[in-house]
Amino acid sequence: MTLQLPAIRDQTLLDRALTHRSFTNENPGWDHNERLEFLGDALLGFLVADLLYEVYPDMSEAQMTRLRSQLVDEPQLANFARQFGLGDRLSLGRGAANDGGRDSEAILSDAFEAYVAALYLDSGLDVVRVFVDELMEAELDRREQAGEDAATIELTIDAKGRLQQWALATLKTIPTYTIVGESGPDHARVFTAEVRIGERIYGRGTGKRKQEAEKAAARVAYGAIEAEGRSGA
């Protein structure tokens, strides 16, 4: 049976969940979905963590953390939004709509988080839990059928993790990340992040989200360290 997106009964909540900031910029008086997005992000993180804790009793903390991050990252949430046709239901400004906003990973993932939050406010945590559990279990099943063992799905440490390991082992400190730039229209923001270890800037990177920019900066930094032969690799 195909999983259905639970309905939100409160029309005001539903409208808010599906309204992007670009629409409110052109239509003053409407509420956009960014506050709901914040709440939905927290709900998804909690519910997925709870599910993994129950389903995989032998999985380590590091494994659960890595798998949770994959299940709630921007590309995955955007795929869920596409699965339920949220893109066609969004209220977007003309610029965002013309620039492909209905298939933008950033906009779709934000809308999915907002929808989850609106569903929680409308129907309560139990309804959201059932929906999220069924959705994530189906995704885990899909990955396992594709030959990806749930306990080892891309558990290699990402660039931020590798950089932190090197910094701790070599310099006895950890990297710090700072957003040093932000550009572009509301529907297509680009962030620039800088990573420092001690007083030295090791790299800069850009991304559609702050976390993406930080990861990009970490990749640049770790690549430079490897090139200098100081990574220990």
Protein backbone atom coordinates (compact mmCIF):
# COMPACT_ATOMS: atom_id res chain seq x y z
CA MET A 1 0.00 0.00 0.00
CA THR A 2 1.26 3.46 -0.89
CA LEU A 3 1.75 5.70 2.14
CA GLN A 4 -0.62 8.66 2.15
CA LEU A 5 0.21 12.12 3.41
CA PRO A 6 -2.01 12.79 6.45
CA ALA A 7 -4.40 15.67 5.95
CA ILE A 8 -4.16 18.90 7.94
CA ARG A 9 -7.62 20.03 8.97
CA ASP A 10 -6.77 23.59 9.95
CA GLN A 11 -6.71 25.49 6.67
CA THR A 12 -4.70 28.36 8.16
CA LEU A 13 -1.97 25.98 9.29
CA LEU A 14 -1.99 24.20 5.96
CA ASP A 15 -1.68 27.45 4.02
CA ARG A 16 1.18 28.62 6.22
CA ALA A 17 3.05 25.33 5.86
CA LEU A 18 2.94 25.60 2.08
CA THR A 19 3.80 29.29 1.79
CA HIS A 20 7.38 30.23 0.97
CA ARG A 21 8.88 33.53 2.08
CA SER A 22 9.14 34.69 -1.55
CA PHE A 23 5.33 34.67 -1.78
CA THR A 24 4.91 36.78 1.36
CA ASN A 25 7.43 39.30 0.02
CA GLU A 26 5.05 39.90 -2.89
CA ASN A 27 1.86 39.49 -0.85
CA PRO A 28 2.15 41.33 2.48
CA GLY A 29 -0.13 40.00 5.18
CA TRP A 30 0.49 36.31 4.50
CA ASP A 31 2.48 34.12 6.89
CA HIS A 32 5.40 32.10 5.53
CA ASN A 33 6.49 28.66 6.73
CA GLU A 34 9.89 29.35 8.30
CA ARG A 35 8.78 29.06 11.95
CA LEU A 36 7.00 25.82 11.13
CA GLU A 37 10.14 24.63 9.35
CA PHE A 38 12.11 25.17 12.57
CA LEU A 39 9.65 23.10 14.58
CA GLY A 40 9.42 20.38 11.94
CA ASP A 41 13.18 20.00 11.82
CA ALA A 42 13.26 19.36 15.57
CA LEU A 43 10.34 16.92 15.41
CA LEU A 44 11.88 14.89 12.60
CA GLY A 45 15.24 14.72 14.37
CA PHE A 46 13.61 13.46 17.57
CA LEU A 47 11.25 10.96 15.94
CA VAL A 48 13.90 9.46 13.67
CA ALA A 49 16.32 9.15 16.61
CA ASP A 50 13.62 7.39 18.63
CA LEU A 51 12.85 5.03 15.76
CA LEU A 52 16.48 4.08 15.19
CA TYR A 53 17.01 3.53 18.91
CA GLU A 54 14.12 1.04 18.97
CA VAL A 55 14.69 -0.69 15.62
CA TYR A 56 18.49 -1.14 15.87
CA PRO A 57 19.39 -2.06 19.47
CA ASP A 58 22.94 -3.03 18.49
CA MET A 59 23.73 0.10 16.49
CA SER A 60 26.34 2.40 18.01
CA GLU A 61 25.77 6.07 18.78
CA ALA A 62 27.98 7.09 15.86
CA GLN A 63 26.08 4.82 13.48
CA MET A 64 22.69 6.08 14.64
CA THR A 65 23.84 9.68 14.35
CA ARG A 66 25.11 9.15 10.82
CA LEU A 67 22.01 7.29 9.67
CA ARG A 68 19.66 9.84 11.22
CA SER A 69 21.47 12.66 9.44
CA GLN A 70 21.03 10.85 6.13
CA LEU A 71 17.32 10.27 6.71
CA VAL A 72 16.59 13.92 7.49
CA ASP A 73 19.06 15.71 5.21
CA GLU A 74 17.95 18.13 2.52
CA PRO A 75 18.01 15.77 -0.50
CA GLN A 76 16.10 13.06 1.37
CA LEU A 77 13.41 15.39 2.70
CA ALA A 78 13.08 16.94 -0.76
CA ASN A 79 12.48 13.45 -2.15
CA PHE A 80 9.75 12.89 0.42
CA ALA A 81 8.17 16.20 -0.58
CA ARG A 82 8.23 15.13 -4.24
CA GLN A 83 6.73 11.77 -3.29
CA PHE A 84 3.71 13.56 -1.84
CA GLY A 85 3.47 16.23 -4.54
CA LEU A 86 4.13 19.16 -2.22
CA GLY A 87 5.90 21.16 -4.91
CA ASP A 88 2.71 21.67 -6.90
CA ARG A 89 0.90 22.89 -3.79
CA LEU A 90 3.41 25.56 -2.76
CA SER A 91 2.68 29.27 -2.79
CA LEU A 92 5.80 30.85 -4.29
CA GLY A 93 6.73 34.30 -5.44
CA ARG A 94 6.98 34.83 -9.19
CA GLY A 95 10.78 34.83 -9.13
CA ALA A 96 11.04 31.59 -7.16
CA ALA A 97 8.43 29.91 -9.34
CA ASN A 98 10.16 30.99 -12.55
CA ASP A 99 13.53 29.82 -11.24
CA GLY A 100 12.35 26.26 -10.66
CA GLY A 101 11.42 26.69 -7.01
CA ARG A 102 8.84 23.92 -7.12
CA ASP A 103 11.65 21.41 -7.59
CA SER A 104 14.28 23.17 -5.45
CA GLU A 105 15.70 20.80 -2.84
CA ALA A 106 16.00 23.63 -0.32
CA ILE A 107 12.42 24.83 -0.78
CA LEU A 108 10.95 21.32 -0.90
CA SER A 109 12.80 20.07 2.18
CA ASP A 110 11.76 23.18 4.12
CA ALA A 111 8.15 22.66 3.04
CA PHE A 112 8.21 19.05 4.19
CA GLU A 113 9.54 20.08 7.61
CA ALA A 114 6.86 22.76 7.82
CA TYR A 115 4.14 20.29 6.87
CA VAL A 116 5.27 17.88 9.60
CA ALA A 117 5.12 20.71 12.15
CA ALA A 118 1.67 21.80 10.99
CA LEU A 119 0.46 18.21 11.23
CA TYR A 120 1.79 18.05 14.79
CA LEU A 121 0.00 21.27 15.77
CA ASP A 122 -3.17 20.11 14.05
CA SER A 123 -3.35 16.46 15.10
CA GLY A 124 -0.80 15.83 17.84
CA LEU A 125 2.44 13.90 18.25
CA ASP A 126 0.94 10.41 17.95
CA VAL A 127 -0.35 11.06 14.44
CA VAL A 128 3.00 12.50 13.37
CA ARG A 129 4.89 9.61 14.94
CA VAL A 130 2.87 6.99 13.05
CA PHE A 131 3.40 8.85 9.78
CA VAL A 132 7.13 9.41 10.28
CA ASP A 133 7.72 5.83 11.48
CA GLU A 134 5.98 4.37 8.42
CA LEU A 135 7.79 6.74 6.08
CA MET A 136 11.25 6.10 7.51
CA GLU A 137 10.74 2.34 7.80
CA ALA A 138 9.78 2.26 4.12
CA GLU A 139 12.92 4.21 3.25
CA LEU A 140 15.10 1.90 5.33
CA ASP A 141 13.51 -1.11 3.63
CA ARG A 142 14.20 0.46 0.22
CA ARG A 143 17.84 1.00 1.11
CA GLU A 144 18.28 -2.52 2.41
CA GLN A 145 16.67 -3.98 -0.72
CA ALA A 146 19.10 -1.91 -2.75
CA GLY A 147 21.94 -3.63 -0.93
CA GLU A 148 22.64 -0.95 1.65
CA ASP A 149 22.90 -2.49 5.10
CA ALA A 150 21.22 -0.16 7.59
CA ALA A 151 24.03 -0.46 10.10
CA THR A 152 26.72 0.52 7.61
CA ILE A 153 24.98 2.96 5.23
CA GLU A 154 27.72 5.45 4.42
CA LEU A 155 29.19 5.36 7.91
CA THR A 156 32.53 6.66 6.70
CA ILE A 157 33.29 9.89 8.51
CA ASP A 158 32.50 13.00 6.48
CA ALA A 159 34.93 15.84 5.90
CA LYS A 160 33.95 17.70 9.09
CA GLY A 161 34.57 14.58 11.13
CA ARG A 162 37.92 13.86 9.48
CA LEU A 163 39.02 17.45 9.94
CA GLN A 164 38.08 17.39 13.61
CA GLN A 165 39.94 14.12 14.15
CA TRP A 166 43.07 15.57 12.53
CA ALA A 167 42.82 18.82 14.50
CA LEU A 168 42.45 16.99 17.82
CA ALA A 169 45.28 14.58 17.09
CA THR A 170 47.66 17.16 15.65
CA LEU A 171 46.84 20.50 17.26
CA LYS A 172 44.85 19.42 20.35
CA THR A 173 41.92 21.65 19.41
CA ILE A 174 38.81 21.54 17.25
CA PRO A 175 37.80 23.49 14.14
CA THR A 176 35.41 26.42 14.41
CA TYR A 177 33.04 27.44 11.63
CA THR A 178 31.76 30.93 10.88
CA ILE A 179 29.28 32.10 8.24
CA VAL A 180 31.12 35.01 6.62
CA GLY A 181 28.86 35.73 3.67
CA GLU A 182 25.28 35.48 2.45
CA SER A 183 24.00 36.40 -1.00
CA GLY A 184 21.19 35.80 -3.48
CA PRO A 185 17.41 36.20 -3.35
CA ASP A 186 15.30 34.65 -0.58
CA HIS A 187 14.47 31.57 -2.64
CA ALA A 188 18.08 30.90 -3.63
CA ARG A 189 20.36 31.98 -0.80
CA VAL A 190 24.05 31.12 -0.98
CA PHE A 191 26.06 30.99 2.26
CA THR A 192 29.83 31.20 2.60
CA ALA A 193 31.47 29.49 5.56
CA GLU A 194 35.00 29.76 6.89
CA VAL A 195 36.74 27.14 9.01
CA ARG A 196 39.53 28.04 11.43
CA ILE A 197 41.74 25.89 13.55
CA GLY A 198 43.35 28.10 16.13
CA GLU A 199 44.06 31.43 14.46
CA ARG A 200 44.56 30.03 10.96
CA ILE A 201 41.87 29.96 8.27
CA TYR A 202 42.02 26.50 6.68
CA GLY A 203 39.27 26.76 4.11
CA ARG A 204 36.14 28.41 2.76
CA GLY A 205 33.10 26.88 1.10
CA THR A 206 29.64 27.77 -0.14
CA GLY A 207 26.26 26.09 -0.04
CA LYS A 208 22.52 26.63 -0.17
CA ARG A 209 22.38 26.06 3.58
CA LYS A 210 24.75 27.01 6.33
CA GLN A 211 25.50 23.36 7.09
CA GLU A 212 26.30 22.69 3.43
CA ALA A 213 28.66 25.66 3.38
CA GLU A 214 30.43 24.39 6.50
CA LYS A 215 30.83 20.93 4.97
CA ALA A 216 32.22 22.49 1.81
CA ALA A 217 34.71 24.50 3.85
CA ALA A 218 35.75 21.34 5.69
CA ARG A 219 36.32 19.51 2.39
CA VAL A 220 38.54 22.35 1.16
CA ALA A 221 40.47 22.42 4.42
CA TYR A 222 40.98 18.69 4.64
CA GLY A 223 41.97 18.52 0.99
CA ALA A 224 44.61 21.18 1.60
CA ILE A 225 45.90 19.29 4.62
CA GLU A 226 46.14 16.08 2.62
CA ALA A 227 47.97 17.91 -0.14
CA GLU A 228 50.47 19.20 2.40
CA GLY A 229 50.96 15.67 3.69
CA ARG A 230 49.87 16.55 7.21
CA SER A 231 46.65 14.55 7.48
CA GLY A 232 48.25 11.37 8.70
CA ALA A 233 46.48 9.50 5.90
